[in-house]
Amino acid sequence: MSSDIPIGLPGIVLQEVLSGLPSEKQFRELQAKLLGAFTIVPAAVDDHVEAARLRNVCTSKGVNVSGIDCLIAACAIAGGHELFAIDVDFEAIRRHSALKLLRVADVV
């Protein structure tokens, strides 16, 4: 991947990554690294609404995906971004939405 391509980190992913760290020192160090390396992409109200719709669509097709993954997908769709993820839920969401996934082979 070219270094001039901006990489965003959804706010909810920032929260998940920072959650559960054993010490405040580790928390502060990782927080500084993440905030320095990524543009944080906050979810808008419309993203939350779209996430609920995506989850409903997937559920209606017999696919069980998490609400958090749907929120991450909704943010990527709304911004017209490709999402880099290895979680199989995102492939399921992609099959039922406009989500574009960046494949591992595309970045190596």
N, C-alpha and C. Protein backbone atom coordinates (compact mmCIF):
# COMPACT_ATOMS: atom_id res chain seq x y z
N MET A 1 0.84 -1.17 0.00
CA MET A 1 0.00 0.00 0.00
C MET A 1 0.88 1.23 0.00
N SER A 2 0.51 2.22 -0.76
CA SER A 2 1.24 3.46 -0.82
C SER A 2 1.07 4.24 0.48
N SER A 3 2.15 4.88 0.91
CA SER A 3 2.08 5.63 2.17
C SER A 3 1.28 6.92 2.05
N ASP A 4 0.93 7.33 0.83
CA ASP A 4 0.16 8.56 0.68
C ASP A 4 -1.35 8.31 0.66
N ILE A 5 -1.75 7.08 0.89
CA ILE A 5 -3.17 6.76 0.99
C ILE A 5 -3.58 6.90 2.45
N PRO A 6 -4.52 7.82 2.74
CA PRO A 6 -4.92 7.98 4.14
C PRO A 6 -5.68 6.76 4.65
N ILE A 7 -5.42 6.41 5.89
CA ILE A 7 -6.10 5.28 6.50
C ILE A 7 -6.89 5.79 7.69
N GLY A 8 -8.19 5.53 7.67
CA GLY A 8 -9.06 5.95 8.76
C GLY A 8 -9.35 4.81 9.71
N LEU A 9 -9.66 5.17 10.93
CA LEU A 9 -10.01 4.20 11.96
C LEU A 9 -11.36 4.62 12.54
N PRO A 10 -12.39 3.80 12.35
CA PRO A 10 -13.68 4.16 12.93
C PRO A 10 -13.57 4.36 14.44
N GLY A 11 -14.27 5.35 14.95
CA GLY A 11 -14.24 5.64 16.38
C GLY A 11 -14.56 4.43 17.24
N ILE A 12 -15.51 3.63 16.80
CA ILE A 12 -15.90 2.45 17.59
C ILE A 12 -14.77 1.43 17.63
N VAL A 13 -13.94 1.37 16.58
CA VAL A 13 -12.79 0.47 16.58
C VAL A 13 -11.73 1.00 17.54
N LEU A 14 -11.53 2.32 17.55
CA LEU A 14 -10.62 2.93 18.52
C LEU A 14 -11.04 2.53 19.94
N GLN A 15 -12.32 2.63 20.22
CA GLN A 15 -12.83 2.28 21.54
C GLN A 15 -12.55 0.81 21.86
N GLU A 16 -12.82 -0.08 20.92
CA GLU A 16 -12.62 -1.51 21.16
C GLU A 16 -11.15 -1.84 21.38
N VAL A 17 -10.27 -1.22 20.59
CA VAL A 17 -8.84 -1.51 20.71
C VAL A 17 -8.30 -1.02 22.06
N LEU A 18 -8.79 0.13 22.51
CA LEU A 18 -8.31 0.68 23.77
C LEU A 18 -8.95 0.03 25.00
N SER A 19 -10.01 -0.69 24.82
CA SER A 19 -10.71 -1.32 25.95
C SER A 19 -9.96 -2.54 26.45
N GLY A 20 -9.91 -2.70 27.76
CA GLY A 20 -9.35 -3.90 28.35
C GLY A 20 -7.85 -3.91 28.53
N LEU A 21 -7.19 -2.78 28.31
CA LEU A 21 -5.74 -2.77 28.53
C LEU A 21 -5.46 -2.83 30.04
N PRO A 22 -4.44 -3.57 30.43
CA PRO A 22 -4.21 -3.80 31.85
C PRO A 22 -3.69 -2.61 32.65
N SER A 23 -3.09 -1.62 31.99
CA SER A 23 -2.57 -0.49 32.75
C SER A 23 -2.87 0.83 32.06
N GLU A 24 -2.93 1.88 32.85
CA GLU A 24 -3.16 3.22 32.31
C GLU A 24 -2.00 3.65 31.41
N LYS A 25 -0.78 3.24 31.74
CA LYS A 25 0.39 3.56 30.92
C LYS A 25 0.24 2.96 29.52
N GLN A 26 -0.15 1.68 29.45
CA GLN A 26 -0.36 1.04 28.14
C GLN A 26 -1.48 1.73 27.38
N PHE A 27 -2.54 2.10 28.10
CA PHE A 27 -3.66 2.79 27.50
C PHE A 27 -3.19 4.09 26.86
N ARG A 28 -2.46 4.92 27.61
CA ARG A 28 -2.00 6.22 27.11
C ARG A 28 -1.05 6.06 25.93
N GLU A 29 -0.15 5.08 26.01
CA GLU A 29 0.81 4.86 24.93
C GLU A 29 0.11 4.43 23.64
N LEU A 30 -0.81 3.48 23.76
CA LEU A 30 -1.52 3.01 22.57
C LEU A 30 -2.43 4.11 22.02
N GLN A 31 -3.08 4.84 22.90
CA GLN A 31 -3.92 5.96 22.47
C GLN A 31 -3.11 6.95 21.65
N ALA A 32 -1.94 7.33 22.13
CA ALA A 32 -1.09 8.28 21.42
C ALA A 32 -0.67 7.74 20.05
N LYS A 33 -0.31 6.46 20.00
CA LYS A 33 0.10 5.85 18.73
C LYS A 33 -1.05 5.82 17.73
N LEU A 34 -2.22 5.41 18.18
CA LEU A 34 -3.37 5.31 17.27
C LEU A 34 -3.81 6.69 16.78
N LEU A 35 -3.88 7.65 17.70
CA LEU A 35 -4.31 8.99 17.30
C LEU A 35 -3.28 9.66 16.39
N GLY A 36 -2.02 9.29 16.54
CA GLY A 36 -0.98 9.83 15.68
C GLY A 36 -0.92 9.18 14.31
N ALA A 37 -1.37 7.95 14.22
CA ALA A 37 -1.23 7.19 12.98
C ALA A 37 -2.47 7.22 12.09
N PHE A 38 -3.64 7.42 12.68
CA PHE A 38 -4.88 7.30 11.91
C PHE A 38 -5.75 8.54 12.04
N THR A 39 -6.52 8.77 11.01
CA THR A 39 -7.62 9.73 11.09
C THR A 39 -8.79 8.98 11.73
N ILE A 40 -9.31 9.51 12.81
CA ILE A 40 -10.43 8.85 13.48
C ILE A 40 -11.72 9.28 12.79
N VAL A 41 -12.52 8.29 12.40
CA VAL A 41 -13.76 8.54 11.67
C VAL A 41 -14.94 8.28 12.61
N PRO A 42 -15.54 9.37 13.12
CA PRO A 42 -16.68 9.18 14.03
C PRO A 42 -17.94 8.78 13.26
N ALA A 43 -18.80 8.05 13.92
CA ALA A 43 -20.08 7.67 13.30
C ALA A 43 -21.08 8.80 13.47
N ALA A 44 -21.81 9.08 12.40
CA ALA A 44 -22.89 10.06 12.44
C ALA A 44 -24.20 9.35 12.75
N VAL A 45 -25.22 10.12 13.06
CA VAL A 45 -26.54 9.53 13.33
C VAL A 45 -26.99 8.67 12.15
N ASP A 46 -26.79 9.17 10.94
CA ASP A 46 -27.18 8.40 9.75
C ASP A 46 -26.45 7.06 9.66
N ASP A 47 -25.20 7.02 10.14
CA ASP A 47 -24.44 5.76 10.13
C ASP A 47 -25.09 4.74 11.07
N HIS A 48 -25.56 5.21 12.22
CA HIS A 48 -26.23 4.31 13.16
C HIS A 48 -27.53 3.77 12.57
N VAL A 49 -28.26 4.64 11.88
CA VAL A 49 -29.51 4.21 11.24
C VAL A 49 -29.21 3.20 10.14
N GLU A 50 -28.19 3.47 9.33
CA GLU A 50 -27.82 2.55 8.26
C GLU A 50 -27.32 1.22 8.84
N ALA A 51 -26.61 1.27 9.95
CA ALA A 51 -26.13 0.04 10.59
C ALA A 51 -27.30 -0.84 11.01
N ALA A 52 -28.34 -0.23 11.56
CA ALA A 52 -29.53 -0.99 11.95
C ALA A 52 -30.19 -1.60 10.72
N ARG A 53 -30.27 -0.82 9.63
CA ARG A 53 -30.86 -1.34 8.40
C ARG A 53 -30.04 -2.51 7.87
N LEU A 54 -28.71 -2.37 7.86
CA LEU A 54 -27.83 -3.44 7.38
C LEU A 54 -28.02 -4.72 8.20
N ARG A 55 -28.10 -4.55 9.50
CA ARG A 55 -28.29 -5.73 10.37
C ARG A 55 -29.63 -6.39 10.08
N ASN A 56 -30.67 -5.58 9.88
CA ASN A 56 -31.99 -6.13 9.56
C ASN A 56 -31.96 -6.89 8.24
N VAL A 57 -31.30 -6.31 7.24
CA VAL A 57 -31.20 -6.96 5.93
C VAL A 57 -30.49 -8.30 6.07
N CYS A 58 -29.35 -8.29 6.75
CA CYS A 58 -28.59 -9.54 6.92
C CYS A 58 -29.40 -10.58 7.68
N THR A 59 -30.06 -10.15 8.75
CA THR A 59 -30.87 -11.07 9.55
C THR A 59 -32.00 -11.66 8.71
N SER A 60 -32.61 -10.83 7.86
CA SER A 60 -33.70 -11.32 7.01
C SER A 60 -33.22 -12.35 5.99
N LYS A 61 -31.91 -12.33 5.71
CA LYS A 61 -31.32 -13.31 4.77
C LYS A 61 -30.74 -14.51 5.52
N GLY A 62 -30.97 -14.56 6.86
CA GLY A 62 -30.48 -15.68 7.66
C GLY A 62 -29.03 -15.54 8.08
N VAL A 63 -28.49 -14.33 7.97
CA VAL A 63 -27.09 -14.08 8.31
C VAL A 63 -27.03 -13.32 9.62
N ASN A 64 -26.33 -13.87 10.61
CA ASN A 64 -26.20 -13.23 11.92
C ASN A 64 -24.89 -12.45 11.97
N VAL A 65 -24.99 -11.12 12.02
CA VAL A 65 -23.81 -10.26 12.12
C VAL A 65 -23.99 -9.32 13.30
N SER A 66 -22.88 -8.84 13.84
CA SER A 66 -22.97 -7.97 15.01
C SER A 66 -23.35 -6.54 14.62
N GLY A 67 -24.02 -5.88 15.54
CA GLY A 67 -24.40 -4.49 15.32
C GLY A 67 -23.18 -3.59 15.18
N ILE A 68 -22.12 -3.89 15.93
CA ILE A 68 -20.88 -3.10 15.84
C ILE A 68 -20.26 -3.25 14.45
N ASP A 69 -20.21 -4.48 13.93
CA ASP A 69 -19.67 -4.67 12.58
C ASP A 69 -20.52 -3.94 11.54
N CYS A 70 -21.82 -3.92 11.75
CA CYS A 70 -22.70 -3.19 10.83
C CYS A 70 -22.42 -1.69 10.89
N LEU A 71 -22.12 -1.17 12.08
CA LEU A 71 -21.79 0.24 12.22
C LEU A 71 -20.48 0.56 11.50
N ILE A 72 -19.49 -0.29 11.65
CA ILE A 72 -18.21 -0.10 10.95
C ILE A 72 -18.45 -0.12 9.45
N ALA A 73 -19.23 -1.07 8.98
CA ALA A 73 -19.55 -1.17 7.55
C ALA A 73 -20.31 0.07 7.07
N ALA A 74 -21.27 0.53 7.85
CA ALA A 74 -22.06 1.70 7.46
C ALA A 74 -21.18 2.93 7.32
N CYS A 75 -20.22 3.10 8.22
CA CYS A 75 -19.28 4.23 8.14
C CYS A 75 -18.45 4.15 6.85
N ALA A 76 -17.98 2.96 6.52
CA ALA A 76 -17.18 2.77 5.31
C ALA A 76 -18.02 3.05 4.06
N ILE A 77 -19.23 2.54 4.04
CA ILE A 77 -20.13 2.75 2.89
C ILE A 77 -20.42 4.24 2.73
N ALA A 78 -20.78 4.91 3.82
CA ALA A 78 -21.14 6.33 3.76
C ALA A 78 -19.99 7.18 3.25
N GLY A 79 -18.77 6.82 3.63
CA GLY A 79 -17.60 7.58 3.20
C GLY A 79 -17.05 7.16 1.85
N GLY A 80 -17.63 6.10 1.27
CA GLY A 80 -17.13 5.61 -0.01
C GLY A 80 -15.75 4.96 0.11
N HIS A 81 -15.48 4.38 1.28
CA HIS A 81 -14.17 3.80 1.55
C HIS A 81 -14.19 2.29 1.40
N GLU A 82 -13.01 1.73 1.13
CA GLU A 82 -12.83 0.29 1.21
C GLU A 82 -12.48 -0.04 2.65
N LEU A 83 -12.97 -1.16 3.12
CA LEU A 83 -12.73 -1.59 4.49
C LEU A 83 -11.75 -2.75 4.49
N PHE A 84 -10.69 -2.63 5.27
CA PHE A 84 -9.75 -3.74 5.44
C PHE A 84 -10.13 -4.47 6.72
N ALA A 85 -10.54 -5.70 6.59
CA ALA A 85 -10.96 -6.50 7.74
C ALA A 85 -10.78 -7.98 7.40
N ILE A 86 -10.50 -8.76 8.44
CA ILE A 86 -10.39 -10.21 8.23
C ILE A 86 -11.55 -10.95 8.88
N ASP A 87 -12.42 -10.23 9.57
CA ASP A 87 -13.60 -10.80 10.22
C ASP A 87 -14.58 -11.25 9.14
N VAL A 88 -15.03 -12.50 9.21
CA VAL A 88 -15.94 -13.04 8.20
C VAL A 88 -17.30 -12.34 8.17
N ASP A 89 -17.68 -11.68 9.26
CA ASP A 89 -18.94 -10.94 9.26
C ASP A 89 -18.96 -9.88 8.15
N PHE A 90 -17.82 -9.28 7.87
CA PHE A 90 -17.79 -8.23 6.86
C PHE A 90 -18.01 -8.78 5.46
N GLU A 91 -17.56 -9.99 5.21
CA GLU A 91 -17.84 -10.62 3.91
C GLU A 91 -19.34 -10.87 3.78
N ALA A 92 -19.97 -11.30 4.85
CA ALA A 92 -21.42 -11.51 4.84
C ALA A 92 -22.15 -10.19 4.61
N ILE A 93 -21.72 -9.14 5.28
CA ILE A 93 -22.34 -7.82 5.10
C ILE A 93 -22.14 -7.35 3.66
N ARG A 94 -20.95 -7.57 3.11
CA ARG A 94 -20.66 -7.17 1.73
C ARG A 94 -21.62 -7.81 0.73
N ARG A 95 -21.95 -9.07 0.97
CA ARG A 95 -22.84 -9.77 0.05
C ARG A 95 -24.24 -9.16 0.00
N HIS A 96 -24.61 -8.39 1.02
CA HIS A 96 -25.96 -7.84 1.11
C HIS A 96 -25.98 -6.31 1.16
N SER A 97 -24.88 -5.69 0.73
CA SER A 97 -24.81 -4.23 0.80
C SER A 97 -23.82 -3.70 -0.23
N ALA A 98 -23.57 -2.41 -0.15
CA ALA A 98 -22.61 -1.76 -1.05
C ALA A 98 -21.21 -1.72 -0.45
N LEU A 99 -20.96 -2.47 0.62
CA LEU A 99 -19.65 -2.47 1.27
C LEU A 99 -18.58 -2.97 0.31
N LYS A 100 -17.48 -2.23 0.24
CA LYS A 100 -16.31 -2.63 -0.56
C LYS A 100 -15.21 -3.05 0.41
N LEU A 101 -14.69 -4.25 0.21
CA LEU A 101 -13.63 -4.76 1.08
C LEU A 101 -12.29 -4.71 0.37
N LEU A 102 -11.27 -4.31 1.11
CA LEU A 102 -9.90 -4.35 0.63
C LEU A 102 -9.34 -5.70 1.05
N ARG A 103 -8.95 -6.49 0.10
CA ARG A 103 -8.48 -7.85 0.38
C ARG A 103 -7.02 -7.84 0.84
N VAL A 104 -6.65 -8.84 1.61
CA VAL A 104 -5.27 -8.97 2.08
C VAL A 104 -4.32 -8.98 0.89
N ALA A 105 -4.68 -9.69 -0.17
CA ALA A 105 -3.84 -9.76 -1.35
C ALA A 105 -3.63 -8.38 -1.98
N ASP A 106 -4.56 -7.45 -1.76
CA ASP A 106 -4.45 -6.11 -2.32
C ASP A 106 -3.42 -5.26 -1.59
N VAL A 107 -3.06 -5.64 -0.36
CA VAL A 107 -2.17 -4.81 0.44
C VAL A 107 -0.78 -5.44 0.64
N VAL A 108 -0.60 -6.67 0.22
CA VAL A 108 0.70 -7.29 0.38
C VAL A 108 1.46 -7.31 -0.91
